[in-house]
Amino acid sequence: MKRPAGRPVLITDAAASQDDQLRRRTHRYVLMMLIRAACVIIFAVLISTRPPLLWVWLVLTGAGAVVIPWLAVILANDRPPKEKYRHLHKGERASTTPMLPAQPMPDDSAPHKTIDAEP
């Protein structure tokens, strides 16, 4: 979305930093791979103990050990979704934005407070 010239950028409109996004994706990947490792260990324990309904447990843990790594890589390489309608400002409202009838209209006359560090 382009903003009108001369209008300050609000910090609330800023996206998460690249470092934060990478950290979240790394944590999610590591967690999913730990779950996969647990599936492999449980698979090995099930084969050695031969519990009732062994074939059901083997299918479930085997599917987890095969599908989870694929999902982990897909999700680790995916960027977060764009927040297209996160903040709607004066003059930037999309015509396709659905608004609920009970939702109050934003006050377009109130200017945003701008903090300037320069003297």
Protein backbone atom coordinates (compact mmCIF):
# COMPACT_ATOMS: atom_id res chain seq x y z
CA MET A 1 0.00 0.00 0.00
CA LYS A 2 1.35 3.41 -0.88
CA ARG A 3 0.91 6.22 1.59
CA PRO A 4 0.36 9.83 0.65
CA ALA A 5 3.47 11.99 0.43
CA GLY A 6 4.31 13.84 3.62
CA ARG A 7 2.46 11.41 5.85
CA PRO A 8 4.59 9.83 8.61
CA VAL A 9 4.96 6.07 8.85
CA LEU A 10 3.39 4.63 11.98
CA ILE A 11 5.54 2.16 13.89
CA THR A 12 2.47 -0.03 14.38
CA ASP A 13 2.43 -0.53 10.60
CA ALA A 14 5.94 -1.98 10.61
CA ALA A 15 6.30 -5.68 9.86
CA ALA A 16 8.23 -7.99 12.15
CA SER A 17 11.97 -7.78 11.61
CA GLN A 18 13.75 -10.38 9.50
CA ASP A 19 15.60 -11.63 12.60
CA ASP A 20 12.32 -12.18 14.47
CA GLN A 21 10.80 -14.01 11.52
CA LEU A 22 13.87 -16.22 11.14
CA ARG A 23 13.92 -16.97 14.88
CA ARG A 24 10.23 -18.00 14.85
CA ARG A 25 10.72 -20.23 11.81
CA THR A 26 13.84 -21.82 13.34
CA HIS A 27 12.04 -22.57 16.61
CA ARG A 28 9.09 -24.10 14.73
CA TYR A 29 11.47 -26.23 12.60
CA VAL A 30 13.40 -27.51 15.63
CA LEU A 31 10.17 -28.34 17.48
CA MET A 32 8.80 -30.26 14.50
CA MET A 33 12.04 -32.20 14.09
CA LEU A 34 12.00 -33.09 17.80
CA ILE A 35 8.49 -34.48 17.32
CA ARG A 36 9.78 -36.44 14.33
CA ALA A 37 12.66 -37.84 16.42
CA ALA A 38 10.14 -38.90 19.06
CA CYS A 39 8.12 -40.67 16.33
CA VAL A 40 11.21 -42.58 15.18
CA ILE A 41 12.10 -43.59 18.76
CA ILE A 42 8.53 -44.69 19.51
CA PHE A 43 8.52 -46.64 16.22
CA ALA A 44 11.65 -48.54 17.31
CA VAL A 45 10.27 -49.21 20.79
CA LEU A 46 6.98 -50.48 19.35
CA ILE A 47 8.75 -52.96 17.09
CA SER A 48 10.73 -54.37 20.01
CA THR A 49 7.78 -54.60 22.46
CA ARG A 50 5.04 -55.85 20.06
CA PRO A 51 1.99 -54.20 21.76
CA PRO A 52 -1.62 -54.95 20.76
CA LEU A 53 -2.71 -53.26 17.51
CA LEU A 54 0.94 -52.95 16.50
CA TRP A 55 0.14 -52.20 12.86
CA VAL A 56 -1.98 -49.15 13.82
CA TRP A 57 0.77 -47.66 15.96
CA LEU A 58 3.42 -48.38 13.34
CA VAL A 59 1.37 -46.65 10.63
CA LEU A 60 0.80 -43.59 12.83
CA THR A 61 4.42 -43.20 13.95
CA GLY A 62 5.74 -44.04 10.47
CA ALA A 63 3.47 -41.43 8.88
CA GLY A 64 4.61 -38.89 11.46
CA ALA A 65 8.27 -39.69 10.78
CA VAL A 66 7.74 -39.24 7.02
CA VAL A 67 5.29 -36.33 6.84
CA ILE A 68 6.61 -34.09 9.64
CA PRO A 69 10.04 -33.40 8.02
CA TRP A 70 8.34 -32.42 4.76
CA LEU A 71 6.00 -30.04 6.59
CA ALA A 72 8.88 -28.66 8.69
CA VAL A 73 10.87 -27.69 5.59
CA ILE A 74 7.84 -26.18 3.85
CA LEU A 75 6.91 -24.10 6.91
CA ALA A 76 10.51 -23.06 7.63
CA ASN A 77 10.91 -21.66 4.12
CA ASP A 78 7.55 -19.88 4.08
CA ARG A 79 7.26 -16.22 4.99
CA PRO A 80 4.55 -14.98 7.32
CA PRO A 81 1.32 -13.89 5.63
CA LYS A 82 0.97 -10.27 4.61
CA GLU A 83 -1.18 -8.23 6.94
CA LYS A 84 -3.06 -6.43 4.20
CA TYR A 85 -5.88 -5.08 6.31
CA ARG A 86 -4.09 -4.74 9.64
CA HIS A 87 -4.41 -0.98 9.84
CA LEU A 88 -6.76 1.01 7.70
CA HIS A 89 -5.95 4.69 7.49
CA LYS A 90 -7.66 7.69 6.05
CA GLY A 91 -7.67 7.51 2.27
CA GLU A 92 -6.17 4.03 2.20
CA ARG A 93 -9.35 2.01 2.77
CA ALA A 94 -9.83 -0.76 0.25
CA SER A 95 -13.26 -0.88 -1.35
CA THR A 96 -13.41 -4.66 -0.84
CA THR A 97 -12.85 -4.46 2.92
CA PRO A 98 -15.85 -6.04 4.65
CA MET A 99 -17.09 -4.04 7.62
CA LEU A 100 -19.55 -5.33 10.16
CA PRO A 101 -22.63 -3.16 10.73
CA ALA A 102 -21.96 -2.98 14.48
CA GLN A 103 -18.33 -1.94 13.99
CA PRO A 104 -17.74 1.76 14.76
CA MET A 105 -16.30 3.86 11.98
CA PRO A 106 -12.72 5.07 12.55
CA ASP A 107 -12.33 8.75 13.39
CA ASP A 108 -10.69 10.19 10.26
CA SER A 109 -10.35 13.70 11.65
CA ALA A 110 -7.94 12.80 14.49
CA PRO A 111 -4.29 13.17 13.35
CA HIS A 112 -1.73 10.60 14.46
CA LYS A 113 0.79 11.72 17.04
CA THR A 114 4.27 11.97 15.55
CA ILE A 115 7.32 11.89 17.82
CA ASP A 116 10.34 13.66 16.41
CA ALA A 117 13.77 13.25 18.02
CA GLU A 118 15.30 16.23 16.27
CA PRO A 119 15.45 19.52 18.25
